[in-house]
């Protein structure tokens, strides 16, 4: 069964622990990825395809606006993006955008929105548990 890791927590009660059955395969998974597939010490899934979120940024603009590193938090991302966008628009680039993201009507937008809501202190879909990952 293929499933997005965001659903691991919700489905965990109905999934078996794969550690005894797929020890070799699990050992080949990058250690930093395993928490997304592990619930209460039980490995409930393993990746067959790894999709990793990344932040892409322009070092020239980061430096031009006085920053020595890319954003490390959502607040810093917003602050830096707004400053750069405002500065570039003031230079006459009226359609300059400070950041782009997965905003299409798709599962990724729903998952992103829930993650942002939870990260900002809001409850998940279930107040008792919040997001599973």
Protein backbone atom coordinates (compact mmCIF):
# COMPACT_ATOMS: atom_id res chain seq x y z
CA UNK A 1 0.00 0.00 0.00
CA UNK A 2 1.34 3.42 -0.88
CA UNK A 3 0.63 6.19 1.58
CA UNK A 4 1.93 9.70 2.18
CA UNK A 5 3.95 9.81 5.44
CA UNK A 6 1.70 12.57 6.73
CA UNK A 7 -0.94 9.91 7.36
CA UNK A 8 1.36 7.54 9.31
CA UNK A 9 0.05 8.60 12.72
CA UNK A 10 -3.58 8.27 11.76
CA UNK A 11 -3.13 4.85 10.14
CA UNK A 12 -0.63 3.43 12.67
CA UNK A 13 -3.21 1.51 14.73
CA UNK A 14 -4.12 -0.47 11.61
CA UNK A 15 -0.54 -1.07 10.41
CA UNK A 16 1.98 -3.65 11.56
CA UNK A 17 5.52 -2.96 12.71
CA UNK A 18 7.72 -3.52 9.66
CA UNK A 19 11.01 -3.75 11.58
CA UNK A 20 11.04 -7.55 11.93
CA UNK A 21 10.02 -8.08 8.29
CA UNK A 22 12.08 -5.43 6.47
CA UNK A 23 15.16 -4.94 8.63
CA UNK A 24 17.57 -4.76 5.65
CA UNK A 25 15.40 -2.26 3.76
CA UNK A 26 14.88 -0.13 6.87
CA UNK A 27 18.64 -0.11 7.51
CA UNK A 28 19.14 1.43 4.06
CA UNK A 29 16.80 4.36 4.78
CA UNK A 30 18.51 7.61 5.76
CA UNK A 31 18.19 7.89 9.56
CA UNK A 32 16.75 11.41 9.39
CA UNK A 33 13.82 10.10 7.31
CA UNK A 34 12.73 7.31 9.67
CA UNK A 35 10.86 9.51 12.18
CA UNK A 36 8.33 10.34 9.46
CA UNK A 37 7.52 6.64 9.16
CA UNK A 38 7.75 5.71 12.84
CA UNK A 39 4.87 6.00 15.32
CA UNK A 40 5.29 5.07 18.99
CA UNK A 41 8.48 3.14 18.18
CA UNK A 42 6.77 1.15 15.42
CA UNK A 43 8.03 1.53 11.83
CA UNK A 44 4.72 1.57 9.96
CA UNK A 45 6.04 2.44 6.50
CA UNK A 46 9.22 2.87 4.50
CA UNK A 47 9.78 5.23 1.59
CA UNK A 48 9.81 3.89 -1.94
CA UNK A 49 10.36 7.38 -3.26
CA UNK A 50 11.77 10.22 -1.21
CA UNK A 51 10.29 13.68 -1.66
CA UNK A 52 12.20 16.15 0.44
CA UNK A 53 11.11 19.73 0.88
CA UNK A 54 13.77 22.28 0.20
CA UNK A 55 14.25 26.00 0.43
CA UNK A 56 15.79 27.53 -2.63
CA UNK A 57 17.02 31.07 -2.38
CA UNK A 58 19.15 33.59 -4.20
CA UNK A 59 22.39 34.20 -2.34
CA UNK A 60 22.92 37.45 -4.26
CA UNK A 61 19.69 38.91 -2.85
CA UNK A 62 20.27 37.50 0.63
CA UNK A 63 23.65 39.28 0.72
CA UNK A 64 22.45 42.45 -1.02
CA UNK A 65 19.86 42.99 1.70
CA UNK A 66 22.34 42.45 4.52
CA UNK A 67 21.76 38.84 5.53
CA UNK A 68 24.59 36.37 6.04
CA UNK A 69 22.48 33.19 5.99
CA UNK A 70 19.20 31.92 4.53
CA UNK A 71 16.08 31.98 6.72
CA UNK A 72 16.03 29.47 9.56
CA UNK A 73 12.39 29.87 10.71
CA UNK A 74 9.02 30.68 9.14
CA UNK A 75 9.09 34.13 10.77
CA UNK A 76 12.56 34.81 9.40
CA UNK A 77 11.51 33.59 5.95
CA UNK A 78 8.57 35.99 5.96
CA UNK A 79 10.65 38.92 7.23
CA UNK A 80 13.47 38.39 4.71
CA UNK A 81 11.11 37.73 1.79
CA UNK A 82 9.02 40.83 2.49
CA UNK A 83 12.12 43.02 2.81
CA UNK A 84 13.63 41.75 -0.44
CA UNK A 85 10.31 41.91 -2.28
CA UNK A 86 9.69 45.49 -1.10
CA UNK A 87 13.23 46.51 -2.08
CA UNK A 88 13.05 44.95 -5.52
CA UNK A 89 9.64 46.47 -6.23
CA UNK A 90 10.98 49.87 -5.17
CA UNK A 91 13.62 49.40 -7.90
CA UNK A 92 10.81 49.16 -10.48
CA UNK A 93 10.36 45.38 -10.56
CA UNK A 94 6.61 45.61 -9.87
CA UNK A 95 5.98 41.88 -10.40
CA UNK A 96 8.82 40.67 -8.19
CA UNK A 97 7.74 38.02 -5.68
CA UNK A 98 9.69 37.19 -2.52
CA UNK A 99 8.83 33.51 -2.34
CA UNK A 100 6.92 30.79 -4.13
CA UNK A 101 5.33 27.73 -2.61
CA UNK A 102 2.94 24.82 -3.22
CA UNK A 103 -0.28 26.78 -3.42
CA UNK A 104 -2.21 24.78 -5.96
CA UNK A 105 -5.50 23.12 -5.02
CA UNK A 106 -4.03 19.77 -4.07
CA UNK A 107 -3.25 17.58 -1.07
CA UNK A 108 0.10 19.35 -0.66
CA UNK A 109 -1.65 22.67 0.06
CA UNK A 110 -3.90 21.05 2.66
CA UNK A 111 -0.92 19.38 4.35
CA UNK A 112 1.14 22.58 4.26
CA UNK A 113 -1.72 24.62 5.73
CA UNK A 114 -2.23 22.13 8.57
CA UNK A 115 1.50 22.10 9.32
CA UNK A 116 1.61 25.92 9.44
CA UNK A 117 -1.49 26.03 11.62
CA UNK A 118 -0.01 23.52 14.08
CA UNK A 119 3.42 25.22 14.03
CA UNK A 120 1.72 28.51 14.95
CA UNK A 121 0.12 26.92 18.02
CA UNK A 122 -3.23 26.00 16.50
CA UNK A 123 -4.87 22.63 16.90
CA UNK A 124 -4.78 20.05 14.15
CA UNK A 125 -7.93 18.46 12.79
CA UNK A 126 -8.27 16.65 16.09
CA UNK A 127 -7.54 18.84 19.13
CA UNK A 128 -6.52 15.73 21.02
CA UNK A 129 -3.64 14.79 18.76
CA UNK A 130 -2.80 17.52 16.27
CA UNK A 131 -0.88 16.49 13.13
CA UNK A 132 0.62 13.03 13.17
CA UNK A 133 4.06 14.03 11.95
